Amino acid sequence: MSQITLYLDDAMQALVEQAAQANGVSKSRWVVELIRKYAAREWPQDCLSLAGRFADFPLHEESLATAQADVPQLFF
């Protein structure tokens, strides 16, 4: 397991300590959970559950076609 060093001012250190204690975990575990949450390359499950819920939401391809149709054609 690798280690990382963080340089925090006193106020930030206090925030980390308070947050870790409030969540009942060590400071290291609290930071790891933040990294997992914000550095993940996956969509959160609550966001994924919205897929297909909006029947009138245009698909990317449809949006491009509409946008291109709105661009005036210039002929010289």
Protein backbone atom coordinates (compact mmCIF):
# COMPACT_ATOMS: atom_id res chain seq x y z
CA MET A 1 0.00 0.00 0.00
CA SER A 2 1.39 3.39 -0.94
CA GLN A 3 1.37 6.53 1.16
CA ILE A 4 0.77 10.15 0.27
CA THR A 5 1.70 13.31 2.13
CA LEU A 6 -0.73 16.22 2.27
CA TYR A 7 0.19 19.69 3.44
CA LEU A 8 -2.76 21.32 5.18
CA ASP A 9 -3.06 24.58 7.02
CA ASP A 10 -4.47 24.47 10.56
CA ALA A 11 -8.02 25.29 9.48
CA MET A 12 -8.06 22.57 6.81
CA GLN A 13 -6.53 20.06 9.23
CA ALA A 14 -9.32 20.83 11.70
CA LEU A 15 -11.96 20.33 8.99
CA VAL A 16 -10.51 16.94 8.04
CA GLU A 17 -10.38 15.84 11.69
CA GLN A 18 -13.95 16.97 12.34
CA ALA A 19 -15.30 15.33 9.20
CA ALA A 20 -13.50 12.05 9.86
CA GLN A 21 -14.70 11.97 13.46
CA ALA A 22 -18.28 12.82 12.45
CA ASN A 23 -18.22 9.91 9.98
CA GLY A 24 -16.63 7.56 12.50
CA VAL A 25 -13.57 6.83 10.38
CA SER A 26 -9.86 7.62 10.43
CA LYS A 27 -8.57 10.66 8.58
CA SER A 28 -6.92 8.37 6.04
CA ARG A 29 -10.14 6.44 5.43
CA TRP A 30 -12.09 9.70 5.07
CA VAL A 31 -9.66 11.02 2.44
CA VAL A 32 -9.69 7.68 0.59
CA GLU A 33 -13.49 7.78 0.41
CA LEU A 34 -13.36 11.29 -1.04
CA ILE A 35 -10.87 10.18 -3.66
CA ARG A 36 -13.06 7.21 -4.54
CA LYS A 37 -16.11 9.44 -4.82
CA TYR A 38 -14.63 12.29 -6.82
CA ALA A 39 -11.91 10.60 -8.87
CA ALA A 40 -14.05 7.69 -10.04
CA ARG A 41 -14.53 7.33 -13.77
CA GLU A 42 -18.05 6.02 -13.40
CA TRP A 43 -21.35 7.81 -13.14
CA PRO A 44 -22.95 7.65 -9.66
CA GLN A 45 -25.78 5.11 -9.38
CA ASP A 46 -28.39 7.82 -8.71
CA CYS A 47 -27.39 9.48 -11.97
CA LEU A 48 -27.42 6.19 -13.90
CA SER A 49 -30.91 5.46 -12.63
CA LEU A 50 -32.16 8.54 -14.52
CA ALA A 51 -31.21 7.07 -17.91
CA GLY A 52 -34.28 6.81 -20.14
CA ARG A 53 -36.55 8.63 -17.69
CA PHE A 54 -37.06 11.65 -19.94
CA ALA A 55 -38.94 10.59 -23.06
CA ASP A 56 -38.62 13.99 -24.76
CA PHE A 57 -34.90 14.44 -24.01
CA PRO A 58 -33.01 14.64 -27.34
CA LEU A 59 -30.17 12.25 -28.04
CA HIS A 60 -26.76 13.66 -28.83
CA GLU A 61 -27.09 12.81 -32.52
CA GLU A 62 -30.51 14.48 -32.70
CA SER A 63 -29.12 17.61 -31.05
CA LEU A 64 -26.27 17.78 -33.56
CA ALA A 65 -28.66 17.39 -36.51
CA THR A 66 -30.88 20.16 -35.16
CA ALA A 67 -27.93 22.46 -34.48
CA GLN A 68 -26.51 21.91 -37.96
CA ALA A 69 -29.91 22.58 -39.56
CA ASP A 70 -30.05 25.94 -37.76
CA VAL A 71 -26.73 27.13 -39.20
CA PRO A 72 -27.29 29.33 -42.26
CA GLN A 73 -25.57 28.21 -45.43
CA LEU A 74 -23.52 30.88 -47.17
CA PHE A 75 -22.88 30.64 -50.88
CA PHE A 76 -20.45 32.89 -52.73
